Amino acid sequence: MIKIYSMPTCPYCDYIYEQIKGREDEFEYIDISKHIRYLGAFVRLRDKSPVFDHCKEIGDVGVPAFVFEDGRVSIDPADAGLVEYDPKMSCSIEDHKNGRQGC
């Protein structure tokens, strides 16, 4: 099972969440905004994994983040077989959900 550290106020995370609905046997969606325990686990991961170095340099949080069963960490949705959100595809996540393309 792939753990996904995420939060619903992140458009990139919301796009990932839409892709994993109904796939709870493959993915564990961890909303880091729901409980300090989840945020703490993510911060510890972010502090020790070099995968997040560039995120930290540019001031990004680093979500969505993917943790694989073997312990490997990634911030690339493709590594988990998912598609990354392309902001050029629609004006907002809501537009995307409603099928609107481009703006």
C-alpha atoms as a PDB file:
ATOM      1  CA  MET A   1       0.000   0.000   0.000  1.00  0.00           C
ATOM      2  CA  ILE A   2       1.229   3.492  -0.876  1.00  0.00           C
ATOM      3  CA  LYS A   3       0.844   6.187   1.786  1.00  0.00           C
ATOM      4  CA  ILE A   4       0.007   9.637   0.473  1.00  0.00           C
ATOM      5  CA  TYR A   5       0.649  12.600   2.751  1.00  0.00           C
ATOM      6  CA  SER A   6      -1.673  15.307   1.585  1.00  0.00           C
ATOM      7  CA  MET A   7      -4.113  18.061   2.514  1.00  0.00           C
ATOM      8  CA  PRO A   8      -7.420  19.064   0.950  1.00  0.00           C
ATOM      9  CA  THR A   9      -6.516  22.757   0.582  1.00  0.00           C
ATOM     10  CA  CYS A  10      -3.748  21.835  -1.881  1.00  0.00           C
ATOM     11  CA  PRO A  11      -5.015  21.674  -5.501  1.00  0.00           C
ATOM     12  CA  TYR A  12      -2.320  19.159  -6.437  1.00  0.00           C
ATOM     13  CA  CYS A  13      -3.412  16.934  -3.543  1.00  0.00           C
ATOM     14  CA  ASP A  14      -7.085  17.267  -4.419  1.00  0.00           C
ATOM     15  CA  TYR A  15      -6.324  16.150  -7.964  1.00  0.00           C
ATOM     16  CA  ILE A  16      -4.514  13.080  -6.600  1.00  0.00           C
ATOM     17  CA  TYR A  17      -7.376  12.346  -4.192  1.00  0.00           C
ATOM     18  CA  GLU A  18      -9.847  12.261  -7.084  1.00  0.00           C
ATOM     19  CA  GLN A  19      -7.677   9.603  -8.769  1.00  0.00           C
ATOM     20  CA  ILE A  20      -7.527   7.279  -5.772  1.00  0.00           C
ATOM     21  CA  LYS A  21     -11.185   7.317  -4.734  1.00  0.00           C
ATOM     22  CA  GLY A  22     -12.355   3.742  -4.398  1.00  0.00           C
ATOM     23  CA  ARG A  23      -8.785   2.419  -4.382  1.00  0.00           C
ATOM     24  CA  GLU A  24      -8.326   2.182  -0.609  1.00  0.00           C
ATOM     25  CA  ASP A  25      -6.685  -1.217  -1.042  1.00  0.00           C
ATOM     26  CA  GLU A  26      -3.825   0.463  -2.957  1.00  0.00           C
ATOM     27  CA  PHE A  27      -3.500   3.854  -1.259  1.00  0.00           C
ATOM     28  CA  GLU A  28      -3.700   5.268   2.250  1.00  0.00           C
ATOM     29  CA  TYR A  29      -4.608   8.965   2.066  1.00  0.00           C
ATOM     30  CA  ILE A  30      -3.254  10.794   5.099  1.00  0.00           C
ATOM     31  CA  ASP A  31      -4.678  14.292   5.548  1.00  0.00           C
ATOM     32  CA  ILE A  32      -1.957  16.074   7.519  1.00  0.00           C
ATOM     33  CA  SER A  33      -4.378  18.848   8.463  1.00  0.00           C
ATOM     34  CA  LYS A  34      -6.708  16.498  10.374  1.00  0.00           C
ATOM     35  CA  HIS A  35      -4.524  15.751  13.360  1.00  0.00           C
ATOM     36  CA  ILE A  36      -1.203  16.891  14.788  1.00  0.00           C
ATOM     37  CA  ARG A  37      -0.083  13.239  14.809  1.00  0.00           C
ATOM     38  CA  TYR A  38      -0.319  13.119  10.987  1.00  0.00           C
ATOM     39  CA  LEU A  39       1.390  16.481  10.588  1.00  0.00           C
ATOM     40  CA  GLY A  40       4.171  15.371  12.930  1.00  0.00           C
ATOM     41  CA  ALA A  41       4.749  12.165  10.963  1.00  0.00           C
ATOM     42  CA  PHE A  42       4.957  14.151   7.735  1.00  0.00           C
ATOM     43  CA  VAL A  43       7.315  16.772   9.200  1.00  0.00           C
ATOM     44  CA  ARG A  44       9.649  14.043  10.493  1.00  0.00           C
ATOM     45  CA  LEU A  45       9.644  12.449   7.028  1.00  0.00           C
ATOM     46  CA  ARG A  46      10.259  15.814   5.362  1.00  0.00           C
ATOM     47  CA  ASP A  47      13.069  16.701   7.761  1.00  0.00           C
ATOM     48  CA  LYS A  48      15.079  13.538   7.112  1.00  0.00           C
ATOM     49  CA  SER A  49      14.428  12.748   3.443  1.00  0.00           C
ATOM     50  CA  PRO A  50      16.568  14.477   0.790  1.00  0.00           C
ATOM     51  CA  VAL A  51      13.610  14.149  -1.617  1.00  0.00           C
ATOM     52  CA  PHE A  52      12.225  17.321  -0.013  1.00  0.00           C
ATOM     53  CA  ASP A  53      15.405  19.407  -0.226  1.00  0.00           C
ATOM     54  CA  HIS A  54      14.303  21.376  -3.283  1.00  0.00           C
ATOM     55  CA  CYS A  55      10.798  21.851  -1.855  1.00  0.00           C
ATOM     56  CA  LYS A  56      12.296  23.371   1.265  1.00  0.00           C
ATOM     57  CA  GLU A  57      14.637  25.589  -0.783  1.00  0.00           C
ATOM     58  CA  ILE A  58      11.741  27.138  -2.710  1.00  0.00           C
ATOM     59  CA  GLY A  59       9.332  27.293   0.237  1.00  0.00           C
ATOM     60  CA  ASP A  60       7.013  24.470  -0.818  1.00  0.00           C
ATOM     61  CA  VAL A  61       5.463  22.147   1.743  1.00  0.00           C
ATOM     62  CA  GLY A  62       6.137  19.003  -0.292  1.00  0.00           C
ATOM     63  CA  VAL A  63       2.672  17.512  -0.602  1.00  0.00           C
ATOM     64  CA  PRO A  64       1.438  15.333  -2.025  1.00  0.00           C
ATOM     65  CA  ALA A  65       4.205  13.000  -0.898  1.00  0.00           C
ATOM     66  CA  PHE A  66       4.231   9.271  -1.544  1.00  0.00           C
ATOM     67  CA  VAL A  67       5.743   6.640   0.727  1.00  0.00           C
ATOM     68  CA  PHE A  68       6.042   3.164  -0.737  1.00  0.00           C
ATOM     69  CA  GLU A  69       6.002  -0.153   1.089  1.00  0.00           C
ATOM     70  CA  ASP A  70       9.773  -0.469   0.699  1.00  0.00           C
ATOM     71  CA  GLY A  71      10.227   2.913   2.444  1.00  0.00           C
ATOM     72  CA  ARG A  72      11.056   4.848  -0.718  1.00  0.00           C
ATOM     73  CA  VAL A  73       9.738   8.434  -0.719  1.00  0.00           C
ATOM     74  CA  SER A  74       8.703  10.451  -3.763  1.00  0.00           C
ATOM     75  CA  ILE A  75       6.929  13.688  -4.592  1.00  0.00           C
ATOM     76  CA  ASP A  76       6.265  12.571  -8.182  1.00  0.00           C
ATOM     77  CA  PRO A  77       2.733  11.174  -8.681  1.00  0.00           C
ATOM     78  CA  ALA A  78       3.942   9.179 -11.692  1.00  0.00           C
ATOM     79  CA  ASP A  79       6.005   7.013  -9.341  1.00  0.00           C
ATOM     80  CA  ALA A  80       2.695   5.908  -7.799  1.00  0.00           C
ATOM     81  CA  GLY A  81       1.046   5.418 -11.177  1.00  0.00           C
ATOM     82  CA  LEU A  82      -0.919   8.660 -10.878  1.00  0.00           C
ATOM     83  CA  VAL A  83      -1.157  11.790 -13.016  1.00  0.00           C
ATOM     84  CA  GLU A  84       0.177  15.134 -11.818  1.00  0.00           C
ATOM     85  CA  TYR A  85      -2.141  18.133 -11.908  1.00  0.00           C
ATOM     86  CA  ASP A  86      -1.362  20.502 -14.763  1.00  0.00           C
ATOM     87  CA  PRO A  87      -2.648  23.990 -13.900  1.00  0.00           C
ATOM     88  CA  LYS A  88      -2.946  24.758 -17.625  1.00  0.00           C
ATOM     89  CA  MET A  89      -5.660  22.110 -17.930  1.00  0.00           C
ATOM     90  CA  SER A  90      -8.296  24.196 -16.125  1.00  0.00           C
ATOM     91  CA  CYS A  91      -8.654  27.333 -14.027  1.00  0.00           C
ATOM     92  CA  SER A  92      -9.209  25.488 -10.765  1.00  0.00           C
ATOM     93  CA  ILE A  93      -9.764  22.054  -9.293  1.00  0.00           C
ATOM     94  CA  GLU A  94     -13.510  22.754  -9.284  1.00  0.00           C
ATOM     95  CA  ASP A  95     -13.359  23.595 -12.992  1.00  0.00           C
ATOM     96  CA  HIS A  96     -11.438  20.383 -13.568  1.00  0.00           C
ATOM     97  CA  LYS A  97     -13.985  18.326 -11.591  1.00  0.00           C
ATOM     98  CA  ASN A  98     -16.756  19.875 -13.693  1.00  0.00           C
ATOM     99  CA  GLY A  99     -14.968  18.993 -16.933  1.00  0.00           C
ATOM    100  CA  ARG A 100     -13.904  22.523 -17.895  1.00  0.00           C
ATOM    101  CA  GLN A 101     -10.727  22.575 -19.985  1.00  0.00           C
ATOM    102  CA  GLY A 102      -8.479  25.614 -20.265  1.00  0.00           C
ATOM    103  CA  CYS A 103      -9.404  29.209 -19.468  1.00  0.00           C
END
